[in-house]
């Protein structure tokens, strides 16, 4: 059974990320989003060594927001939007959800 509170959309696109890795070194990378929801996403191609609970800045086009890392694995990370941060996926989600009949 799926525990997610909101639908996820399988879609890939590039985003810029930056933050401080678990060795306290700054990093900046271009990675890919694997899927998104209104409050989070899964990132692919992550090289930085990150840990759950760390903060991460993400930019999609001209939209930026801060996320908390929910989990991190080999080359992947799950991120969750912080409260009061704007949804930077709105450019992608409403139009696509409407097209596939979800929204």
Foldseek 3Di string as FASTA:
>chain_A
DDPDPWDKAQDKDKKKKWDAAPVRHTDIDIWMWGIDTQWWTKTAQDDGHHAFQGKMWIGDPNFIFIWTFHGDDVRMTITTGDPPTHRRCVVPPPVVCVVVVND
